[in-house]
Amino acid sequence: MQIKVCGMREPENIRALEGIIQPDWMGLIFYAKSPRFVPDTKAGEIAETSLPKVGVFVNETVEQVLSKVVEFKLSAIQLHGSESPAYVRELKLKTDKKLWKVISVGDAIDWESLREYVGLVECFLFDTATENHGGSGEKFNWQVLKNYPFEAPFILSGGIDEDSVEELLRFAEDVPKLKGIDLNSKFEDVPGLKNIEKLKRFKNKLLR
């Protein structure tokens, strides 16, 4: 199972993540209202990390997304707003980076509303619905994903912590399209600064 650590920002913390945790993906948030927002002044140091970087965007212009791809050397683009299939199609024509579409989950999911994204995105990422577009530390009811109908894999996010490992492994057995997990606020000392020891314990338990 792949591990994405999202909401990274501080160069020293990123170096520790790279050296000790080595996750499959590192998430950088480019949503100005987020407490984990990454300013352009960090680009020089962050771009040089060897970790594959995912840029998180909320209803941003295509031009701005493409600019960040170059500036931060992104490997993937995570769309966390209300981006339409037409928007994703335009983006796909202009970049060869992987595209992920976030679906904010409440009590249920309208699978038909997602069908137009299939074939445009590499995967879906399911996160707890919040006004702040993620980072709430709240978990949604994973059972709504039991009937996931698409061939594209998905990533699970929202309130995952050190105590989630056993439940995650059981859930992955039941829902084989689960390809990875997204870790954020439950592994932070403060927004944008991850606790490396917590991440290390989690990874060891998950991959044991």
N, C-alpha and C. Protein backbone atom coordinates (compact mmCIF):
# COMPACT_ATOMS: atom_id res chain seq x y z
N MET A 1 0.83 -1.19 0.00
CA MET A 1 0.00 0.00 0.00
C MET A 1 0.88 1.25 0.00
N GLN A 2 0.57 2.18 -0.90
CA GLN A 2 1.37 3.39 -1.00
C GLN A 2 1.03 4.37 0.13
N ILE A 3 2.02 5.14 0.53
CA ILE A 3 1.84 6.14 1.57
C ILE A 3 2.13 7.52 1.00
N LYS A 4 1.18 8.42 1.17
CA LYS A 4 1.39 9.83 0.83
C LYS A 4 1.35 10.62 2.14
N VAL A 5 2.36 11.44 2.35
CA VAL A 5 2.37 12.35 3.50
C VAL A 5 2.11 13.75 2.95
N CYS A 6 0.99 14.33 3.33
CA CYS A 6 0.56 15.60 2.76
C CYS A 6 0.80 16.74 3.74
N GLY A 7 0.74 17.96 3.20
CA GLY A 7 0.87 19.14 4.04
C GLY A 7 2.29 19.42 4.48
N MET A 8 3.26 18.99 3.69
CA MET A 8 4.67 19.27 4.01
C MET A 8 5.02 20.69 3.56
N ARG A 9 5.99 21.30 4.27
CA ARG A 9 6.35 22.68 3.92
C ARG A 9 7.77 23.05 4.32
N GLU A 10 8.21 22.61 5.50
CA GLU A 10 9.49 23.08 6.03
C GLU A 10 10.64 22.21 5.52
N PRO A 11 11.67 22.84 4.92
CA PRO A 11 12.75 22.08 4.29
C PRO A 11 13.43 21.05 5.20
N GLU A 12 13.69 21.41 6.45
CA GLU A 12 14.35 20.46 7.36
C GLU A 12 13.45 19.26 7.63
N ASN A 13 12.17 19.51 7.82
CA ASN A 13 11.19 18.45 8.04
C ASN A 13 11.09 17.55 6.80
N ILE A 14 11.15 18.17 5.63
CA ILE A 14 11.11 17.41 4.38
C ILE A 14 12.35 16.53 4.24
N ARG A 15 13.51 17.04 4.63
CA ARG A 15 14.73 16.23 4.56
C ARG A 15 14.63 15.02 5.48
N ALA A 16 14.04 15.20 6.66
CA ALA A 16 13.86 14.07 7.58
C ALA A 16 12.87 13.06 7.00
N LEU A 17 11.81 13.56 6.40
CA LEU A 17 10.84 12.68 5.76
C LEU A 17 11.50 11.86 4.66
N GLU A 18 12.33 12.52 3.88
CA GLU A 18 13.02 11.87 2.77
C GLU A 18 14.02 10.83 3.28
N GLY A 19 14.75 11.17 4.31
CA GLY A 19 15.81 10.29 4.79
C GLY A 19 15.32 9.12 5.63
N ILE A 20 14.24 9.33 6.40
CA ILE A 20 13.80 8.32 7.37
C ILE A 20 12.54 7.58 6.93
N ILE A 21 11.56 8.31 6.42
CA ILE A 21 10.26 7.71 6.10
C ILE A 21 10.20 7.21 4.67
N GLN A 22 10.72 7.98 3.74
CA GLN A 22 10.68 7.64 2.32
C GLN A 22 9.29 7.23 1.85
N PRO A 23 8.31 8.10 2.00
CA PRO A 23 6.97 7.77 1.51
C PRO A 23 6.95 7.71 -0.01
N ASP A 24 5.89 7.14 -0.55
CA ASP A 24 5.75 7.07 -2.00
C ASP A 24 5.47 8.44 -2.61
N TRP A 25 4.79 9.29 -1.84
CA TRP A 25 4.42 10.62 -2.31
C TRP A 25 4.52 11.63 -1.18
N MET A 26 4.85 12.86 -1.54
CA MET A 26 4.84 13.98 -0.58
C MET A 26 3.91 15.06 -1.13
N GLY A 27 2.95 15.49 -0.32
CA GLY A 27 1.97 16.47 -0.77
C GLY A 27 2.33 17.89 -0.36
N LEU A 28 2.19 18.81 -1.32
CA LEU A 28 2.41 20.25 -1.10
C LEU A 28 1.11 20.98 -1.38
N ILE A 29 0.64 21.77 -0.43
CA ILE A 29 -0.66 22.42 -0.56
C ILE A 29 -0.50 23.84 -1.08
N PHE A 30 -1.14 24.10 -2.22
CA PHE A 30 -1.08 25.41 -2.85
C PHE A 30 -2.44 26.12 -2.78
N TYR A 31 -3.14 25.92 -1.68
CA TYR A 31 -4.41 26.58 -1.42
C TYR A 31 -4.17 27.63 -0.35
N ALA A 32 -4.30 28.90 -0.73
CA ALA A 32 -3.85 30.00 0.13
C ALA A 32 -4.54 30.05 1.49
N LYS A 33 -5.74 29.51 1.61
CA LYS A 33 -6.46 29.55 2.89
C LYS A 33 -6.05 28.43 3.84
N SER A 34 -5.21 27.52 3.36
CA SER A 34 -4.78 26.41 4.21
C SER A 34 -3.67 26.84 5.15
N PRO A 35 -3.68 26.37 6.41
CA PRO A 35 -2.57 26.65 7.32
C PRO A 35 -1.28 25.94 6.90
N ARG A 36 -1.37 25.07 5.90
CA ARG A 36 -0.21 24.34 5.39
C ARG A 36 0.23 24.87 4.02
N PHE A 37 -0.26 26.03 3.66
CA PHE A 37 0.04 26.63 2.35
C PHE A 37 1.55 26.78 2.14
N VAL A 38 2.02 26.40 0.96
CA VAL A 38 3.44 26.50 0.62
C VAL A 38 3.66 27.73 -0.26
N PRO A 39 4.41 28.72 0.23
CA PRO A 39 4.67 29.91 -0.58
C PRO A 39 5.77 29.66 -1.61
N ASP A 40 5.83 30.52 -2.60
CA ASP A 40 6.83 30.38 -3.66
C ASP A 40 8.26 30.48 -3.14
N THR A 41 8.43 31.15 -2.02
CA THR A 41 9.78 31.31 -1.47
C THR A 41 10.41 29.99 -1.06
N LYS A 42 9.58 28.95 -0.91
CA LYS A 42 10.09 27.62 -0.52
C LYS A 42 10.48 26.78 -1.73
N ALA A 43 10.20 27.26 -2.93
CA ALA A 43 10.33 26.43 -4.13
C ALA A 43 11.75 25.91 -4.33
N GLY A 44 12.74 26.77 -4.16
CA GLY A 44 14.12 26.38 -4.44
C GLY A 44 14.55 25.15 -3.69
N GLU A 45 14.31 25.12 -2.38
CA GLU A 45 14.74 23.97 -1.57
C GLU A 45 13.85 22.76 -1.78
N ILE A 46 12.53 23.00 -1.84
CA ILE A 46 11.60 21.87 -1.92
C ILE A 46 11.73 21.14 -3.26
N ALA A 47 11.95 21.88 -4.32
CA ALA A 47 12.01 21.27 -5.65
C ALA A 47 13.11 20.23 -5.77
N GLU A 48 14.14 20.37 -4.94
CA GLU A 48 15.30 19.48 -5.07
C GLU A 48 15.15 18.15 -4.35
N THR A 49 14.11 17.97 -3.54
CA THR A 49 13.95 16.69 -2.86
C THR A 49 13.69 15.59 -3.89
N SER A 50 14.17 14.40 -3.58
CA SER A 50 14.00 13.27 -4.50
C SER A 50 12.61 12.64 -4.39
N LEU A 51 11.84 13.00 -3.36
CA LEU A 51 10.52 12.41 -3.19
C LEU A 51 9.57 12.88 -4.30
N PRO A 52 8.77 11.98 -4.85
CA PRO A 52 7.76 12.41 -5.81
C PRO A 52 6.77 13.38 -5.14
N LYS A 53 6.53 14.52 -5.77
CA LYS A 53 5.74 15.58 -5.15
C LYS A 53 4.36 15.71 -5.82
N VAL A 54 3.34 15.81 -4.96
CA VAL A 54 1.97 16.02 -5.41
C VAL A 54 1.56 17.44 -5.03
N GLY A 55 1.16 18.23 -6.00
CA GLY A 55 0.65 19.56 -5.71
C GLY A 55 -0.85 19.52 -5.50
N VAL A 56 -1.32 20.10 -4.39
CA VAL A 56 -2.74 20.11 -4.06
C VAL A 56 -3.32 21.48 -4.40
N PHE A 57 -4.35 21.49 -5.27
CA PHE A 57 -4.94 22.73 -5.75
C PHE A 57 -6.44 22.73 -5.52
N VAL A 58 -6.99 23.93 -5.29
CA VAL A 58 -8.44 24.09 -5.09
C VAL A 58 -8.95 25.15 -6.07
N ASN A 59 -9.64 24.70 -7.11
CA ASN A 59 -10.28 25.61 -8.08
C ASN A 59 -9.30 26.66 -8.61
N GLU A 60 -8.11 26.20 -8.94
CA GLU A 60 -7.06 27.09 -9.44
C GLU A 60 -7.12 27.13 -10.97
N THR A 61 -6.57 28.19 -11.56
CA THR A 61 -6.53 28.24 -13.02
C THR A 61 -5.55 27.21 -13.56
N VAL A 62 -5.80 26.74 -14.76
CA VAL A 62 -4.91 25.78 -15.39
C VAL A 62 -3.50 26.35 -15.49
N GLU A 63 -3.41 27.63 -15.84
CA GLU A 63 -2.10 28.27 -16.00
C GLU A 63 -1.33 28.27 -14.69
N GLN A 64 -2.01 28.56 -13.58
CA GLN A 64 -1.35 28.59 -12.29
C GLN A 64 -0.88 27.19 -11.88
N VAL A 65 -1.69 26.19 -12.14
CA VAL A 65 -1.30 24.81 -11.83
C VAL A 65 -0.04 24.44 -12.61
N LEU A 66 -0.04 24.74 -13.89
CA LEU A 66 1.11 24.39 -14.73
C LEU A 66 2.36 25.14 -14.30
N SER A 67 2.20 26.36 -13.81
CA SER A 67 3.34 27.13 -13.31
C SER A 67 3.95 26.46 -12.09
N LYS A 68 3.11 25.97 -11.17
CA LYS A 68 3.61 25.30 -9.96
C LYS A 68 4.27 23.97 -10.30
N VAL A 69 3.77 23.29 -11.33
CA VAL A 69 4.36 22.02 -11.76
C VAL A 69 5.84 22.23 -12.11
N VAL A 70 6.10 23.31 -12.82
CA VAL A 70 7.48 23.61 -13.22
C VAL A 70 8.30 24.10 -12.04
N GLU A 71 7.74 25.04 -11.27
CA GLU A 71 8.46 25.69 -10.19
C GLU A 71 8.88 24.72 -9.10
N PHE A 72 7.99 23.77 -8.75
CA PHE A 72 8.25 22.83 -7.66
C PHE A 72 8.60 21.43 -8.15
N LYS A 73 8.68 21.25 -9.46
CA LYS A 73 9.01 19.93 -10.06
C LYS A 73 8.03 18.86 -9.57
N LEU A 74 6.75 19.12 -9.79
CA LEU A 74 5.71 18.20 -9.33
C LEU A 74 5.63 16.98 -10.24
N SER A 75 5.27 15.85 -9.63
CA SER A 75 5.04 14.61 -10.38
C SER A 75 3.56 14.33 -10.57
N ALA A 76 2.73 14.93 -9.71
CA ALA A 76 1.29 14.69 -9.79
C ALA A 76 0.54 15.94 -9.34
N ILE A 77 -0.70 16.03 -9.79
CA ILE A 77 -1.58 17.16 -9.50
C ILE A 77 -2.84 16.63 -8.83
N GLN A 78 -3.12 17.12 -7.63
CA GLN A 78 -4.30 16.69 -6.88
C GLN A 78 -5.31 17.83 -6.88
N LEU A 79 -6.47 17.58 -7.45
CA LEU A 79 -7.51 18.61 -7.60
C LEU A 79 -8.53 18.43 -6.48
N HIS A 80 -8.56 19.41 -5.56
CA HIS A 80 -9.32 19.26 -4.32
C HIS A 80 -10.54 20.16 -4.26
N GLY A 81 -10.90 20.77 -5.40
CA GLY A 81 -12.06 21.65 -5.41
C GLY A 81 -13.21 21.06 -6.21
N SER A 82 -13.92 21.93 -6.91
CA SER A 82 -15.07 21.48 -7.71
C SER A 82 -14.72 21.46 -9.20
N GLU A 83 -13.47 21.10 -9.49
CA GLU A 83 -13.01 21.08 -10.88
C GLU A 83 -13.85 20.11 -11.73
N SER A 84 -14.31 20.59 -12.87
CA SER A 84 -15.20 19.81 -13.73
C SER A 84 -14.40 18.83 -14.59
N PRO A 85 -15.09 17.84 -15.17
CA PRO A 85 -14.40 16.97 -16.12
C PRO A 85 -13.79 17.76 -17.28
N ALA A 86 -14.44 18.82 -17.73
CA ALA A 86 -13.90 19.64 -18.82
C ALA A 86 -12.58 20.29 -18.40
N TYR A 87 -12.52 20.76 -17.17
CA TYR A 87 -11.28 21.34 -16.64
C TYR A 87 -10.17 20.28 -16.61
N VAL A 88 -10.50 19.11 -16.11
CA VAL A 88 -9.51 18.04 -16.02
C VAL A 88 -9.04 17.63 -17.41
N ARG A 89 -9.96 17.61 -18.36
CA ARG A 89 -9.60 17.26 -19.74
C ARG A 89 -8.63 18.27 -20.32
N GLU A 90 -8.88 19.56 -20.07
CA GLU A 90 -7.98 20.60 -20.55
C GLU A 90 -6.59 20.45 -19.93
N LEU A 91 -6.57 20.20 -18.62
CA LEU A 91 -5.30 20.03 -17.92
C LEU A 91 -4.53 18.83 -18.46
N LYS A 92 -5.26 17.76 -18.72
CA LYS A 92 -4.63 16.53 -19.22
C LYS A 92 -3.97 16.75 -20.58
N LEU A 93 -4.54 17.64 -21.38
CA LEU A 93 -3.98 17.94 -22.70
C LEU A 93 -2.69 18.75 -22.60
N LYS A 94 -2.51 19.43 -21.45
CA LYS A 94 -1.40 20.37 -21.33
C LYS A 94 -0.26 19.89 -20.42
N THR A 95 -0.43 18.72 -19.82
CA THR A 95 0.63 18.20 -18.96
C THR A 95 0.65 16.68 -19.01
N ASP A 96 1.83 16.11 -18.78
CA ASP A 96 1.93 14.65 -18.71
C ASP A 96 1.97 14.16 -17.27
N LYS A 97 1.74 15.06 -16.31
CA LYS A 97 1.77 14.67 -14.90
C LYS A 97 0.50 13.90 -14.55
N LYS A 98 0.61 13.08 -13.52
CA LYS A 98 -0.53 12.29 -13.07
C LYS A 98 -1.58 13.22 -12.46
N LEU A 99 -2.85 12.95 -12.74
CA LEU A 99 -3.95 13.76 -12.22
C LEU A 99 -4.77 12.93 -11.23
N TRP A 100 -4.98 13.51 -10.05
CA TRP A 100 -5.81 12.88 -9.02
C TRP A 100 -7.00 13.79 -8.75
N LYS A 101 -8.18 13.21 -8.60
CA LYS A 101 -9.36 14.02 -8.27
C LYS A 101 -9.85 13.65 -6.88
N VAL A 102 -9.94 14.66 -6.03
CA VAL A 102 -10.44 14.46 -4.67
C VAL A 102 -11.97 14.50 -4.68
N ILE A 103 -12.56 13.55 -3.98
CA ILE A 103 -14.00 13.52 -3.77
C ILE A 103 -14.26 13.70 -2.28
N SER A 104 -14.96 14.76 -1.94
CA SER A 104 -15.28 15.03 -0.54
C SER A 104 -16.51 14.21 -0.15
N VAL A 105 -16.37 13.40 0.88
CA VAL A 105 -17.39 12.42 1.23
C VAL A 105 -18.17 12.86 2.46
N GLY A 106 -19.50 12.85 2.31
CA GLY A 106 -20.39 13.07 3.44
C GLY A 106 -20.99 11.74 3.85
N ASP A 107 -22.31 11.62 3.71
CA ASP A 107 -23.00 10.39 4.12
C ASP A 107 -23.05 9.35 3.01
N ALA A 108 -22.91 9.79 1.75
CA ALA A 108 -23.03 8.86 0.63
C ALA A 108 -22.26 9.43 -0.56
N ILE A 109 -22.09 8.60 -1.59
CA ILE A 109 -21.40 9.03 -2.80
C ILE A 109 -22.29 8.72 -4.00
N ASP A 110 -22.46 9.71 -4.87
CA ASP A 110 -23.19 9.52 -6.12
C ASP A 110 -22.17 9.07 -7.17
N TRP A 111 -22.08 7.77 -7.38
CA TRP A 111 -21.05 7.23 -8.26
C TRP A 111 -21.20 7.74 -9.69
N GLU A 112 -22.43 7.92 -10.16
CA GLU A 112 -22.63 8.38 -11.53
C GLU A 112 -22.04 9.76 -11.77
N SER A 113 -22.01 10.58 -10.74
CA SER A 113 -21.45 11.93 -10.88
C SER A 113 -19.94 11.89 -11.10
N LEU A 114 -19.30 10.77 -10.81
CA LEU A 114 -17.85 10.64 -10.96
C LEU A 114 -17.46 9.98 -12.28
N ARG A 115 -18.43 9.41 -12.98
CA ARG A 115 -18.10 8.57 -14.12
C ARG A 115 -17.34 9.33 -15.22
N GLU A 116 -17.65 10.62 -15.40
CA GLU A 116 -16.98 11.38 -16.46
C GLU A 116 -15.49 11.60 -16.18
N TYR A 117 -15.08 11.46 -14.93
CA TYR A 117 -13.65 11.62 -14.60
C TYR A 117 -12.85 10.36 -14.92
N VAL A 118 -13.53 9.24 -15.04
CA VAL A 118 -12.85 7.97 -15.30
C VAL A 118 -12.18 8.05 -16.68
N GLY A 119 -10.93 7.71 -16.74
CA GLY A 119 -10.17 7.81 -17.97
C GLY A 119 -9.39 9.11 -18.07
N LEU A 120 -9.79 10.10 -17.27
CA LEU A 120 -9.06 11.37 -17.23
C LEU A 120 -8.08 11.42 -16.07
N VAL A 121 -8.45 10.80 -14.95
CA VAL A 121 -7.60 10.85 -13.76
C VAL A 121 -6.96 9.49 -13.50
N GLU A 122 -5.78 9.53 -12.91
CA GLU A 122 -5.10 8.28 -12.56
C GLU A 122 -5.81 7.60 -11.40
N CYS A 123 -6.30 8.40 -10.47
CA CYS A 123 -6.99 7.83 -9.32
C CYS A 123 -7.90 8.87 -8.68
N PHE A 124 -8.82 8.39 -7.86
CA PHE A 124 -9.61 9.25 -7.00
C PHE A 124 -8.98 9.25 -5.61
N LEU A 125 -9.21 10.33 -4.88
CA LEU A 125 -8.82 10.39 -3.48
C LEU A 125 -10.05 10.78 -2.68
N PHE A 126 -10.46 9.93 -1.77
CA PHE A 126 -11.66 10.18 -0.97
C PHE A 126 -11.27 10.76 0.38
N ASP A 127 -11.84 11.94 0.67
CA ASP A 127 -11.52 12.66 1.90
C ASP A 127 -12.81 13.12 2.57
N THR A 128 -12.73 13.38 3.85
CA THR A 128 -13.89 13.85 4.61
C THR A 128 -14.31 15.23 4.13
N ALA A 129 -15.58 15.42 3.87
CA ALA A 129 -16.10 16.71 3.41
C ALA A 129 -15.94 17.76 4.51
N THR A 130 -15.27 18.86 4.19
CA THR A 130 -15.12 19.98 5.12
C THR A 130 -15.15 21.28 4.32
N GLU A 131 -15.43 22.38 5.01
CA GLU A 131 -15.42 23.68 4.34
C GLU A 131 -14.01 24.09 3.93
N ASN A 132 -13.01 23.53 4.61
CA ASN A 132 -11.62 23.95 4.38
C ASN A 132 -10.86 23.06 3.40
N HIS A 133 -11.59 22.17 2.69
CA HIS A 133 -10.97 21.31 1.68
C HIS A 133 -9.86 20.44 2.26
N GLY A 134 -10.18 19.70 3.33
CA GLY A 134 -9.24 18.74 3.88
C GLY A 134 -8.52 19.26 5.12
N GLY A 135 -7.71 18.35 5.70
CA GLY A 135 -6.92 18.72 6.86
C GLY A 135 -7.70 18.84 8.15
N SER A 136 -8.92 18.27 8.17
CA SER A 136 -9.77 18.42 9.35
C SER A 136 -9.43 17.44 10.47
N GLY A 137 -8.77 16.34 10.11
CA GLY A 137 -8.52 15.29 11.10
C GLY A 137 -9.74 14.44 11.38
N GLU A 138 -10.81 14.66 10.61
CA GLU A 138 -12.05 13.90 10.81
C GLU A 138 -12.12 12.75 9.82
N LYS A 139 -12.67 11.65 10.28
CA LYS A 139 -12.79 10.44 9.47
C LYS A 139 -14.23 10.28 8.98
N PHE A 140 -14.41 9.85 7.73
CA PHE A 140 -15.76 9.54 7.25
C PHE A 140 -15.99 8.03 7.34
N ASN A 141 -17.21 7.62 7.07
CA ASN A 141 -17.56 6.21 7.14
C ASN A 141 -17.04 5.48 5.89
N TRP A 142 -15.98 4.72 6.05
CA TRP A 142 -15.36 4.04 4.90
C TRP A 142 -16.30 3.05 4.22
N GLN A 143 -17.34 2.64 4.91
CA GLN A 143 -18.23 1.64 4.32
C GLN A 143 -18.92 2.14 3.05
N VAL A 144 -18.99 3.45 2.87
CA VAL A 144 -19.62 3.98 1.65
C VAL A 144 -18.77 3.65 0.42
N LEU A 145 -17.52 3.22 0.62
CA LEU A 145 -16.64 2.85 -0.50
C LEU A 145 -16.69 1.37 -0.84
N LYS A 146 -17.47 0.61 -0.07
CA LYS A 146 -17.51 -0.84 -0.29
C LYS A 146 -17.99 -1.19 -1.70
N ASN A 147 -18.84 -0.33 -2.27
CA ASN A 147 -19.38 -0.61 -3.61
C ASN A 147 -18.68 0.22 -4.68
N TYR A 148 -17.43 0.58 -4.45
CA TYR A 148 -16.67 1.36 -5.43
C TYR A 148 -16.72 0.66 -6.79
N PRO A 149 -17.20 1.34 -7.86
CA PRO A 149 -17.51 0.63 -9.10
C PRO A 149 -16.49 0.75 -10.23
N PHE A 150 -15.40 1.50 -10.05
CA PHE A 150 -14.53 1.82 -11.18
C PHE A 150 -13.24 1.00 -11.18
N GLU A 151 -12.60 0.94 -12.34
CA GLU A 151 -11.32 0.26 -12.47
C GLU A 151 -10.17 1.10 -11.91
N ALA A 152 -10.30 2.42 -11.98
CA ALA A 152 -9.25 3.30 -11.45
C ALA A 152 -9.09 3.06 -9.96
N PRO A 153 -7.86 2.99 -9.47
CA PRO A 153 -7.65 2.81 -8.03
C PRO A 153 -8.01 4.08 -7.26
N PHE A 154 -8.02 3.98 -5.94
CA PHE A 154 -8.29 5.18 -5.14
C PHE A 154 -7.38 5.22 -3.91
N ILE A 155 -7.28 6.43 -3.37
CA ILE A 155 -6.50 6.72 -2.17
C ILE A 155 -7.47 7.14 -1.07
N LEU A 156 -7.20 6.71 0.14
CA LEU A 156 -8.06 7.01 1.28
C LEU A 156 -7.43 8.07 2.15
N SER A 157 -8.22 9.08 2.52
CA SER A 157 -7.74 10.17 3.35
C SER A 157 -8.78 10.52 4.41
N GLY A 158 -8.38 11.35 5.37
CA GLY A 158 -9.34 11.84 6.35
C GLY A 158 -9.22 11.17 7.71
N GLY A 159 -8.50 11.79 8.62
CA GLY A 159 -8.48 11.34 10.00
C GLY A 159 -7.72 10.06 10.27
N ILE A 160 -6.89 9.61 9.35
CA ILE A 160 -6.10 8.39 9.57
C ILE A 160 -5.00 8.69 10.59
N ASP A 161 -4.87 7.82 11.59
CA ASP A 161 -3.86 8.02 12.63
C ASP A 161 -3.14 6.72 12.94
N GLU A 162 -2.32 6.71 13.97
CA GLU A 162 -1.53 5.52 14.31
C GLU A 162 -2.39 4.32 14.66
N ASP A 163 -3.59 4.57 15.15
CA ASP A 163 -4.47 3.47 15.56
C ASP A 163 -5.32 2.93 14.42
N SER A 164 -5.12 3.45 13.21
CA SER A 164 -5.96 3.05 12.07
C SER A 164 -5.44 1.84 11.31
N VAL A 165 -4.25 1.35 11.66
CA VAL A 165 -3.58 0.37 10.80
C VAL A 165 -4.39 -0.91 10.63
N GLU A 166 -4.85 -1.51 11.72
CA GLU A 166 -5.57 -2.78 11.61
C GLU A 166 -6.83 -2.62 10.78
N GLU A 167 -7.56 -1.55 11.01
CA GLU A 167 -8.79 -1.30 10.25
C GLU A 167 -8.46 -1.08 8.77
N LEU A 168 -7.38 -0.37 8.50
CA LEU A 168 -6.97 -0.14 7.12
C LEU A 168 -6.64 -1.45 6.40
N LEU A 169 -5.91 -2.32 7.05
CA LEU A 169 -5.53 -3.58 6.42
C LEU A 169 -6.74 -4.46 6.17
N ARG A 170 -7.69 -4.48 7.10
CA ARG A 170 -8.92 -5.24 6.88
C ARG A 170 -9.72 -4.66 5.72
N PHE A 171 -9.79 -3.34 5.68
CA PHE A 171 -10.56 -2.67 4.64
C PHE A 171 -9.94 -2.92 3.26
N ALA A 172 -8.61 -2.91 3.19
CA ALA A 172 -7.92 -3.15 1.92
C ALA A 172 -8.21 -4.56 1.39
N GLU A 173 -8.41 -5.51 2.29
CA GLU A 173 -8.75 -6.87 1.86
C GLU A 173 -10.14 -6.91 1.23
N ASP A 174 -11.05 -6.10 1.77
CA ASP A 174 -12.43 -6.08 1.27
C ASP A 174 -12.58 -5.24 0.01
N VAL A 175 -11.74 -4.22 -0.13
CA VAL A 175 -11.87 -3.27 -1.25
C VAL A 175 -10.52 -3.18 -1.96
N PRO A 176 -10.24 -4.07 -2.90
CA PRO A 176 -8.90 -4.17 -3.48
C PRO A 176 -8.47 -2.98 -4.32
N LYS A 177 -9.38 -2.09 -4.68
CA LYS A 177 -8.99 -0.90 -5.46
C LYS A 177 -8.33 0.17 -4.59
N LEU A 178 -8.32 -0.02 -3.29
CA LEU A 178 -7.60 0.89 -2.40
C LEU A 178 -6.10 0.72 -2.65
N LYS A 179 -5.45 1.77 -3.17
CA LYS A 179 -4.03 1.65 -3.53
C LYS A 179 -3.11 2.40 -2.58
N GLY A 180 -3.69 3.29 -1.76
CA GLY A 180 -2.81 4.07 -0.90
C GLY A 180 -3.59 4.89 0.13
N ILE A 181 -2.83 5.48 1.03
CA ILE A 181 -3.42 6.29 2.09
C ILE A 181 -2.71 7.63 2.16
N ASP A 182 -3.45 8.62 2.62
CA ASP A 182 -2.98 10.00 2.68
C ASP A 182 -2.93 10.41 4.15
N LEU A 183 -1.73 10.73 4.65
CA LEU A 183 -1.55 11.08 6.06
C LEU A 183 -1.29 12.58 6.18
N ASN A 184 -1.96 13.20 7.17
CA ASN A 184 -1.76 14.64 7.32
C ASN A 184 -1.86 15.05 8.78
N SER A 185 -2.99 15.61 9.16
CA SER A 185 -3.07 16.35 10.43
C SER A 185 -2.83 15.49 11.67
N LYS A 186 -3.15 14.21 11.64
CA LYS A 186 -2.97 13.36 12.81
C LYS A 186 -1.49 13.03 13.08
N PHE A 187 -0.62 13.46 12.19
CA PHE A 187 0.81 13.19 12.36
C PHE A 187 1.60 14.50 12.48
N GLU A 188 0.92 15.56 12.88
CA GLU A 188 1.56 16.88 12.97
C GLU A 188 1.78 17.32 14.41
N ASP A 189 2.88 18.06 14.60
CA ASP A 189 3.07 18.79 15.85
C ASP A 189 2.36 20.14 15.76
N VAL A 190 2.48 20.79 14.62
CA VAL A 190 1.71 21.99 14.27
C VAL A 190 1.44 21.90 12.78
N PRO A 191 0.47 22.64 12.24
CA PRO A 191 0.19 22.56 10.81
C PRO A 191 1.43 22.80 9.96
N GLY A 192 1.71 21.86 9.06
CA GLY A 192 2.85 21.98 8.16
C GLY A 192 4.13 21.37 8.69
N LEU A 193 4.09 20.82 9.92
CA LEU A 193 5.30 20.23 10.51
C LEU A 193 4.96 18.84 11.03
N LYS A 194 5.48 17.81 10.35
CA LYS A 194 5.13 16.44 10.69
C LYS A 194 6.04 15.88 11.78
N ASN A 195 5.44 15.00 12.60
CA ASN A 195 6.17 14.28 13.63
C ASN A 195 6.74 13.00 12.99
N ILE A 196 8.02 13.00 12.76
CA ILE A 196 8.67 11.91 12.03
C ILE A 196 8.58 10.59 12.78
N GLU A 197 8.68 10.63 14.11
CA GLU A 197 8.59 9.39 14.89
C GLU A 197 7.22 8.75 14.77
N LYS A 198 6.16 9.56 14.79
CA LYS A 198 4.80 9.02 14.60
C LYS A 198 4.66 8.37 13.23
N LEU A 199 5.19 9.03 12.21
CA LEU A 199 5.13 8.48 10.86
C LEU A 199 5.91 7.17 10.77
N LYS A 200 7.06 7.12 11.43
CA LYS A 200 7.88 5.92 11.42
C LYS A 200 7.15 4.75 12.07
N ARG A 201 6.52 4.99 13.21
CA ARG A 201 5.79 3.92 13.88
C ARG A 201 4.64 3.42 13.01
N PHE A 202 3.93 4.36 12.39
CA PHE A 202 2.80 3.99 11.53
C PHE A 202 3.28 3.13 10.36
N LYS A 203 4.31 3.57 9.69
CA LYS A 203 4.80 2.84 8.52
C LYS A 203 5.27 1.45 8.91
N ASN A 204 5.95 1.32 10.03
CA ASN A 204 6.43 0.01 10.47
C ASN A 204 5.26 -0.95 10.74
N LYS A 205 4.19 -0.42 11.34
CA LYS A 205 3.03 -1.25 11.62
C LYS A 205 2.30 -1.63 10.33
N LEU A 206 2.22 -0.70 9.40
CA LEU A 206 1.48 -0.95 8.16
C LEU A 206 2.19 -1.98 7.29
N LEU A 207 3.52 -1.92 7.27
CA LEU A 207 4.29 -2.76 6.35
C LEU A 207 4.92 -3.97 7.00
N ARG A 208 4.54 -4.23 8.23
CA ARG A 208 5.16 -5.33 8.96
C ARG A 208 4.90 -6.68 8.28
